[in-house]
Amino acid sequence: MRINYDPKYNIAYIKVREKIAEVETIRISDEINIDITPDGKIYGIELLNANEQMEFEKTKELVIINEVTGQKAELYI
């Protein structure tokens, strides 16, 4: 998984898998789009207005926690 963030345009993209084919974009709301592969798997999630969606402006951090092992990775932006 990879998260790309562009502060200039305030967009974040959560890429779940490598692109193997064309994807279909489904608009969930004015600020969320989901890209799906032809076999129905999620390729990625686009967050418009990412600062508010992911609260980057408030926390300046991204924390990923493995719920099974309890391992945690932190990134400060």
PDB file of N, CA and C in Angstrom:
ATOM      1  N   MET A   1       0.846  -1.163   0.000  1.00  0.00           N
ATOM      2  CA  MET A   1       0.000   0.000   0.000  1.00  0.00           C
ATOM      3  C   MET A   1       0.896   1.231   0.000  1.00  0.00           C
ATOM      4  N   ARG A   2       0.430   2.260  -0.662  1.00  0.00           N
ATOM      5  CA  ARG A   2       1.194   3.495  -0.749  1.00  0.00           C
ATOM      6  C   ARG A   2       0.224   4.666  -0.654  1.00  0.00           C
ATOM      7  N   ILE A   3       0.616   5.703   0.072  1.00  0.00           N
ATOM      8  CA  ILE A   3      -0.190   6.918   0.160  1.00  0.00           C
ATOM      9  C   ILE A   3       0.614   8.068  -0.431  1.00  0.00           C
ATOM     10  N   ASN A   4       0.074   8.679  -1.468  1.00  0.00           N
ATOM     11  CA  ASN A   4       0.688   9.867  -2.061  1.00  0.00           C
ATOM     12  C   ASN A   4      -0.131  11.072  -1.622  1.00  0.00           C
ATOM     13  N   TYR A   5       0.569  12.149  -1.260  1.00  0.00           N
ATOM     14  CA  TYR A   5      -0.115  13.366  -0.830  1.00  0.00           C
ATOM     15  C   TYR A   5       0.493  14.554  -1.550  1.00  0.00           C
ATOM     16  N   ASP A   6      -0.346  15.369  -2.170  1.00  0.00           N
ATOM     17  CA  ASP A   6       0.098  16.569  -2.875  1.00  0.00           C
ATOM     18  C   ASP A   6      -0.477  17.784  -2.160  1.00  0.00           C
ATOM     19  N   PRO A   7       0.345  18.453  -1.327  1.00  0.00           N
ATOM     20  CA  PRO A   7      -0.171  19.599  -0.571  1.00  0.00           C
ATOM     21  C   PRO A   7      -0.567  20.783  -1.461  1.00  0.00           C
ATOM     22  N   LYS A   8       0.057  20.903  -2.633  1.00  0.00           N
ATOM     23  CA  LYS A   8      -0.270  22.008  -3.531  1.00  0.00           C
ATOM     24  C   LYS A   8      -1.733  21.930  -3.978  1.00  0.00           C
ATOM     25  N   TYR A   9      -2.190  20.716  -4.308  1.00  0.00           N
ATOM     26  CA  TYR A   9      -3.567  20.528  -4.775  1.00  0.00           C
ATOM     27  C   TYR A   9      -4.475  19.941  -3.699  1.00  0.00           C
ATOM     28  N   ASN A  10      -3.896  19.630  -2.527  1.00  0.00           N
ATOM     29  CA  ASN A  10      -4.645  19.111  -1.385  1.00  0.00           C
ATOM     30  C   ASN A  10      -5.377  17.809  -1.739  1.00  0.00           C
ATOM     31  N   ILE A  11      -4.627  16.890  -2.376  1.00  0.00           N
ATOM     32  CA  ILE A  11      -5.171  15.604  -2.797  1.00  0.00           C
ATOM     33  C   ILE A  11      -4.302  14.485  -2.227  1.00  0.00           C
ATOM     34  N   ALA A  12      -4.940  13.437  -1.740  1.00  0.00           N
ATOM     35  CA  ALA A  12      -4.224  12.241  -1.296  1.00  0.00           C
ATOM     36  C   ALA A  12      -4.743  11.060  -2.104  1.00  0.00           C
ATOM     37  N   TYR A  13      -3.836  10.122  -2.409  1.00  0.00           N
ATOM     38  CA  TYR A  13      -4.231   8.918  -3.126  1.00  0.00           C
ATOM     39  C   TYR A  13      -3.693   7.714  -2.377  1.00  0.00           C
ATOM     40  N   ILE A  14      -4.587   6.833  -1.982  1.00  0.00           N
ATOM     41  CA  ILE A  14      -4.213   5.607  -1.282  1.00  0.00           C
ATOM     42  C   ILE A  14      -4.216   4.497  -2.327  1.00  0.00           C
ATOM     43  N   LYS A  15      -3.017   4.059  -2.710  1.00  0.00           N
ATOM     44  CA  LYS A  15      -2.881   3.016  -3.733  1.00  0.00           C
ATOM     45  C   LYS A  15      -2.782   1.667  -3.035  1.00  0.00           C
ATOM     46  N   VAL A  16      -3.738   0.801  -3.308  1.00  0.00           N
ATOM     47  CA  VAL A  16      -3.828  -0.486  -2.622  1.00  0.00           C
ATOM     48  C   VAL A  16      -3.031  -1.569  -3.345  1.00  0.00           C
ATOM     49  N   ARG A  17      -2.981  -1.517  -4.673  1.00  0.00           N
ATOM     50  CA  ARG A  17      -2.282  -2.552  -5.440  1.00  0.00           C
ATOM     51  C   ARG A  17      -1.686  -1.952  -6.700  1.00  0.00           C
ATOM     52  N   GLU A  18      -0.813  -2.697  -7.352  1.00  0.00           N
ATOM     53  CA  GLU A  18      -0.235  -2.257  -8.612  1.00  0.00           C
ATOM     54  C   GLU A  18      -1.291  -2.309  -9.713  1.00  0.00           C
ATOM     55  N   LYS A  19      -1.221  -1.355 -10.602  1.00  0.00           N
ATOM     56  CA  LYS A  19      -2.192  -1.279 -11.691  1.00  0.00           C
ATOM     57  C   LYS A  19      -1.864  -2.354 -12.729  1.00  0.00           C
ATOM     58  N   ILE A  20      -2.825  -3.230 -12.980  1.00  0.00           N
ATOM     59  CA  ILE A  20      -2.613  -4.295 -13.951  1.00  0.00           C
ATOM     60  C   ILE A  20      -3.516  -4.137 -15.174  1.00  0.00           C
ATOM     61  N   ALA A  21      -4.484  -3.259 -15.085  1.00  0.00           N
ATOM     62  CA  ALA A  21      -5.436  -3.042 -16.180  1.00  0.00           C
ATOM     63  C   ALA A  21      -6.061  -1.669 -16.009  1.00  0.00           C
ATOM     64  N   GLU A  22      -6.909  -1.323 -16.931  1.00  0.00           N
ATOM     65  CA  GLU A  22      -7.653  -0.081 -16.788  1.00  0.00           C
ATOM     66  C   GLU A  22      -8.560  -0.182 -15.567  1.00  0.00           C
ATOM     67  N   VAL A  23      -8.802   0.948 -14.947  1.00  0.00           N
ATOM     68  CA  VAL A  23      -9.675   0.952 -13.776  1.00  0.00           C
ATOM     69  C   VAL A  23     -10.903   1.803 -14.060  1.00  0.00           C
ATOM     70  N   GLU A  24     -11.954   1.523 -13.321  1.00  0.00           N
ATOM     71  CA  GLU A  24     -13.168   2.324 -13.384  1.00  0.00           C
ATOM     72  C   GLU A  24     -13.208   3.179 -12.136  1.00  0.00           C
ATOM     73  N   THR A  25     -13.447   4.459 -12.294  1.00  0.00           N
ATOM     74  CA  THR A  25     -13.530   5.363 -11.155  1.00  0.00           C
ATOM     75  C   THR A  25     -14.985   5.529 -10.750  1.00  0.00           C
ATOM     76  N   ILE A  26     -15.252   5.274  -9.490  1.00  0.00           N
ATOM     77  CA  ILE A  26     -16.594   5.443  -8.942  1.00  0.00           C
ATOM     78  C   ILE A  26     -16.566   6.630  -7.994  1.00  0.00           C
ATOM     79  N   ARG A  27     -17.422   7.593  -8.263  1.00  0.00           N
ATOM     80  CA  ARG A  27     -17.497   8.783  -7.420  1.00  0.00           C
ATOM     81  C   ARG A  27     -18.404   8.486  -6.233  1.00  0.00           C
ATOM     82  N   ILE A  28     -17.829   8.512  -5.048  1.00  0.00           N
ATOM     83  CA  ILE A  28     -18.577   8.237  -3.827  1.00  0.00           C
ATOM     84  C   ILE A  28     -19.230   9.515  -3.305  1.00  0.00           C
ATOM     85  N   SER A  29     -18.479  10.617  -3.375  1.00  0.00           N
ATOM     86  CA  SER A  29     -18.984  11.922  -2.940  1.00  0.00           C
ATOM     87  C   SER A  29     -18.193  12.988  -3.679  1.00  0.00           C
ATOM     88  N   ASP A  30     -18.425  14.252  -3.351  1.00  0.00           N
ATOM     89  CA  ASP A  30     -17.667  15.341  -3.971  1.00  0.00           C
ATOM     90  C   ASP A  30     -16.179  15.272  -3.629  1.00  0.00           C
ATOM     91  N   GLU A  31     -15.824  14.526  -2.584  1.00  0.00           N
ATOM     92  CA  GLU A  31     -14.435  14.508  -2.117  1.00  0.00           C
ATOM     93  C   GLU A  31     -13.794  13.125  -2.110  1.00  0.00           C
ATOM     94  N   ILE A  32     -14.507  12.086  -2.553  1.00  0.00           N
ATOM     95  CA  ILE A  32     -13.950  10.731  -2.525  1.00  0.00           C
ATOM     96  C   ILE A  32     -14.259  10.002  -3.827  1.00  0.00           C
ATOM     97  N   ASN A  33     -13.210   9.462  -4.458  1.00  0.00           N
ATOM     98  CA  ASN A  33     -13.344   8.612  -5.636  1.00  0.00           C
ATOM     99  C   ASN A  33     -12.648   7.292  -5.357  1.00  0.00           C
ATOM    100  N   ILE A  34     -13.221   6.185  -5.836  1.00  0.00           N
ATOM    101  CA  ILE A  34     -12.596   4.878  -5.682  1.00  0.00           C
ATOM    102  C   ILE A  34     -12.356   4.298  -7.072  1.00  0.00           C
ATOM    103  N   ASP A  35     -11.122   3.842  -7.306  1.00  0.00           N
ATOM    104  CA  ASP A  35     -10.771   3.192  -8.564  1.00  0.00           C
ATOM    105  C   ASP A  35     -10.853   1.680  -8.362  1.00  0.00           C
ATOM    106  N   ILE A  36     -11.591   1.016  -9.252  1.00  0.00           N
ATOM    107  CA  ILE A  36     -11.817  -0.426  -9.153  1.00  0.00           C
ATOM    108  C   ILE A  36     -11.351  -1.097 -10.447  1.00  0.00           C
ATOM    109  N   THR A  37     -10.684  -2.251 -10.293  1.00  0.00           N
ATOM    110  CA  THR A  37     -10.227  -3.013 -11.450  1.00  0.00           C
ATOM    111  C   THR A  37     -11.410  -3.776 -12.059  1.00  0.00           C
ATOM    112  N   PRO A  38     -11.263  -4.273 -13.293  1.00  0.00           N
ATOM    113  CA  PRO A  38     -12.368  -4.995 -13.931  1.00  0.00           C
ATOM    114  C   PRO A  38     -12.861  -6.209 -13.141  1.00  0.00           C
ATOM    115  N   ASP A  39     -11.989  -6.816 -12.327  1.00  0.00           N
ATOM    116  CA  ASP A  39     -12.435  -7.976 -11.547  1.00  0.00           C
ATOM    117  C   ASP A  39     -13.019  -7.579 -10.190  1.00  0.00           C
ATOM    118  N   GLY A  40     -13.238  -6.270  -9.969  1.00  0.00           N
ATOM    119  CA  GLY A  40     -13.924  -5.802  -8.768  1.00  0.00           C
ATOM    120  C   GLY A  40     -13.044  -5.504  -7.569  1.00  0.00           C
ATOM    121  N   LYS A  41     -11.716  -5.564  -7.729  1.00  0.00           N
ATOM    122  CA  LYS A  41     -10.818  -5.261  -6.613  1.00  0.00           C
ATOM    123  C   LYS A  41     -10.517  -3.768  -6.568  1.00  0.00           C
ATOM    124  N   ILE A  42     -10.339  -3.256  -5.369  1.00  0.00           N
ATOM    125  CA  ILE A  42     -10.011  -1.832  -5.225  1.00  0.00           C
ATOM    126  C   ILE A  42      -8.558  -1.616  -5.622  1.00  0.00           C
ATOM    127  N   TYR A  43      -8.346  -0.673  -6.530  1.00  0.00           N
ATOM    128  CA  TYR A  43      -6.997  -0.274  -6.929  1.00  0.00           C
ATOM    129  C   TYR A  43      -6.521   0.865  -6.043  1.00  0.00           C
ATOM    130  N   GLY A  44      -7.396   1.868  -5.831  1.00  0.00           N
ATOM    131  CA  GLY A  44      -6.993   3.006  -5.035  1.00  0.00           C
ATOM    132  C   GLY A  44      -8.162   3.891  -4.648  1.00  0.00           C
ATOM    133  N   ILE A  45      -7.876   4.780  -3.713  1.00  0.00           N
ATOM    134  CA  ILE A  45      -8.883   5.710  -3.205  1.00  0.00           C
ATOM    135  C   ILE A  45      -8.308   7.113  -3.287  1.00  0.00           C
ATOM    136  N   GLU A  46      -9.012   8.010  -3.945  1.00  0.00           N
ATOM    137  CA  GLU A  46      -8.584   9.395  -4.082  1.00  0.00           C
ATOM    138  C   GLU A  46      -9.378  10.264  -3.114  1.00  0.00           C
ATOM    139  N   LEU A  47      -8.663  11.049  -2.330  1.00  0.00           N
ATOM    140  CA  LEU A  47      -9.302  11.953  -1.374  1.00  0.00           C
ATOM    141  C   LEU A  47      -9.043  13.391  -1.803  1.00  0.00           C
ATOM    142  N   LEU A  48     -10.087  14.067  -2.230  1.00  0.00           N
ATOM    143  CA  LEU A  48      -9.990  15.486  -2.539  1.00  0.00           C
ATOM    144  C   LEU A  48     -10.221  16.230  -1.224  1.00  0.00           C
ATOM    145  N   ASN A  49      -9.639  17.401  -1.084  1.00  0.00           N
ATOM    146  CA  ASN A  49      -9.703  18.122   0.189  1.00  0.00           C
ATOM    147  C   ASN A  49      -9.088  17.244   1.290  1.00  0.00           C
ATOM    148  N   ALA A  50      -7.917  16.694   0.988  1.00  0.00           N
ATOM    149  CA  ALA A  50      -7.272  15.698   1.850  1.00  0.00           C
ATOM    150  C   ALA A  50      -6.945  16.214   3.243  1.00  0.00           C
ATOM    151  N   ASN A  51      -6.597  17.489   3.358  1.00  0.00           N
ATOM    152  CA  ASN A  51      -6.284  18.017   4.693  1.00  0.00           C
ATOM    153  C   ASN A  51      -7.431  17.795   5.659  1.00  0.00           C
ATOM    154  N   GLU A  52      -8.631  18.055   5.203  1.00  0.00           N
ATOM    155  CA  GLU A  52      -9.791  17.868   6.071  1.00  0.00           C
ATOM    156  C   GLU A  52     -10.156  16.389   6.200  1.00  0.00           C
ATOM    157  N   GLN A  53     -10.092  15.652   5.093  1.00  0.00           N
ATOM    158  CA  GLN A  53     -10.449  14.231   5.112  1.00  0.00           C
ATOM    159  C   GLN A  53      -9.552  13.431   6.064  1.00  0.00           C
ATOM    160  N   MET A  54      -8.247  13.721   6.045  1.00  0.00           N
ATOM    161  CA  MET A  54      -7.302  12.953   6.855  1.00  0.00           C
ATOM    162  C   MET A  54      -6.756  13.754   8.034  1.00  0.00           C
ATOM    163  N   GLU A  55      -7.268  14.943   8.220  1.00  0.00           N
ATOM    164  CA  GLU A  55      -6.882  15.834   9.314  1.00  0.00           C
ATOM    165  C   GLU A  55      -5.377  16.104   9.368  1.00  0.00           C
ATOM    166  N   PHE A  56      -4.729  16.226   8.180  1.00  0.00           N
ATOM    167  CA  PHE A  56      -3.304  16.532   8.130  1.00  0.00           C
ATOM    168  C   PHE A  56      -2.973  17.856   8.808  1.00  0.00           C
ATOM    169  N   GLU A  57      -3.828  18.847   8.614  1.00  0.00           N
ATOM    170  CA  GLU A  57      -3.562  20.167   9.174  1.00  0.00           C
ATOM    171  C   GLU A  57      -3.542  20.153  10.698  1.00  0.00           C
ATOM    172  N   LYS A  58      -4.378  19.304  11.317  1.00  0.00           N
ATOM    173  CA  LYS A  58      -4.452  19.272  12.780  1.00  0.00           C
ATOM    174  C   LYS A  58      -3.346  18.428  13.396  1.00  0.00           C
ATOM    175  N   THR A  59      -3.151  17.227  12.863  1.00  0.00           N
ATOM    176  CA  THR A  59      -2.250  16.284  13.519  1.00  0.00           C
ATOM    177  C   THR A  59      -0.842  16.282  12.960  1.00  0.00           C
ATOM    178  N   LYS A  60      -0.670  16.556  11.672  1.00  0.00           N
ATOM    179  CA  LYS A  60       0.625  16.512  10.993  1.00  0.00           C
ATOM    180  C   LYS A  60       1.275  15.138  11.094  1.00  0.00           C
ATOM    181  N   GLU A  61       0.470  14.099  11.275  1.00  0.00           N
ATOM    182  CA  GLU A  61       1.037  12.762  11.393  1.00  0.00           C
ATOM    183  C   GLU A  61       0.143  11.720  10.740  1.00  0.00           C
ATOM    184  N   LEU A  62       0.763  10.617  10.368  1.00  0.00           N
ATOM    185  CA  LEU A  62       0.068   9.453   9.856  1.00  0.00           C
ATOM    186  C   LEU A  62       0.548   8.268  10.687  1.00  0.00           C
ATOM    187  N   VAL A  63      -0.371   7.535  11.280  1.00  0.00           N
ATOM    188  CA  VAL A  63      -0.027   6.392  12.121  1.00  0.00           C
ATOM    189  C   VAL A  63      -0.701   5.155  11.541  1.00  0.00           C
ATOM    190  N   ILE A  64       0.093   4.106  11.329  1.00  0.00           N
ATOM    191  CA  ILE A  64      -0.429   2.830  10.841  1.00  0.00           C
ATOM    192  C   ILE A  64      -0.202   1.800  11.929  1.00  0.00           C
ATOM    193  N   ILE A  65      -1.270   1.100  12.315  1.00  0.00           N
ATOM    194  CA  ILE A  65      -1.175   0.126  13.402  1.00  0.00           C
ATOM    195  C   ILE A  65      -1.630  -1.240  12.892  1.00  0.00           C
ATOM    196  N   ASN A  66      -0.797  -2.252  13.128  1.00  0.00           N
ATOM    197  CA  ASN A  66      -1.169  -3.630  12.838  1.00  0.00           C
ATOM    198  C   ASN A  66      -1.996  -4.112  14.022  1.00  0.00           C
ATOM    199  N   GLU A  67      -3.291  -4.306  13.825  1.00  0.00           N
ATOM    200  CA  GLU A  67      -4.198  -4.660  14.918  1.00  0.00           C
ATOM    201  C   GLU A  67      -3.903  -6.039  15.506  1.00  0.00           C
ATOM    202  N   VAL A  68      -3.236  -6.913  14.755  1.00  0.00           N
ATOM    203  CA  VAL A  68      -2.923  -8.254  15.244  1.00  0.00           C
ATOM    204  C   VAL A  68      -1.682  -8.238  16.130  1.00  0.00           C
ATOM    205  N   THR A  69      -0.615  -7.583  15.630  1.00  0.00           N
ATOM    206  CA  THR A  69       0.651  -7.601  16.357  1.00  0.00           C
ATOM    207  C   THR A  69       0.837  -6.407  17.279  1.00  0.00           C
ATOM    208  N   GLY A  70       0.083  -5.347  17.022  1.00  0.00           N
ATOM    209  CA  GLY A  70       0.248  -4.136  17.807  1.00  0.00           C
ATOM    210  C   GLY A  70       1.385  -3.255  17.319  1.00  0.00           C
ATOM    211  N   GLN A  71       2.090  -3.685  16.274  1.00  0.00           N
ATOM    212  CA  GLN A  71       3.183  -2.871  15.744  1.00  0.00           C
ATOM    213  C   GLN A  71       2.628  -1.572  15.175  1.00  0.00           C
ATOM    214  N   LYS A  72       3.423  -0.506  15.343  1.00  0.00           N
ATOM    215  CA  LYS A  72       2.961   0.804  14.922  1.00  0.00           C
ATOM    216  C   LYS A  72       4.065   1.507  14.142  1.00  0.00           C
ATOM    217  N   ALA A  73       3.691   2.174  13.071  1.00  0.00           N
ATOM    218  CA  ALA A  73       4.613   3.007  12.290  1.00  0.00           C
ATOM    219  C   ALA A  73       4.035   4.412  12.268  1.00  0.00           C
ATOM    220  N   GLU A  74       4.869   5.404  12.501  1.00  0.00           N
ATOM    221  CA  GLU A  74       4.421   6.801  12.543  1.00  0.00           C
ATOM    222  C   GLU A  74       5.206   7.618  11.537  1.00  0.00           C
ATOM    223  N   LEU A  75       4.501   8.520  10.868  1.00  0.00           N
ATOM    224  CA  LEU A  75       5.122   9.432   9.917  1.00  0.00           C
ATOM    225  C   LEU A  75       4.627  10.829  10.265  1.00  0.00           C
ATOM    226  N   TYR A  76       5.557  11.752  10.446  1.00  0.00           N
ATOM    227  CA  TYR A  76       5.190  13.132  10.746  1.00  0.00           C
ATOM    228  C   TYR A  76       5.410  13.977   9.515  1.00  0.00           C
ATOM    229  N   ILE A  77       4.382  14.715   9.135  1.00  0.00           N
ATOM    230  CA  ILE A  77       4.398  15.494   7.906  1.00  0.00           C
ATOM    231  C   ILE A  77       4.787  16.922   8.198  1.00  0.00           C
TER     232      ILE A  77
END
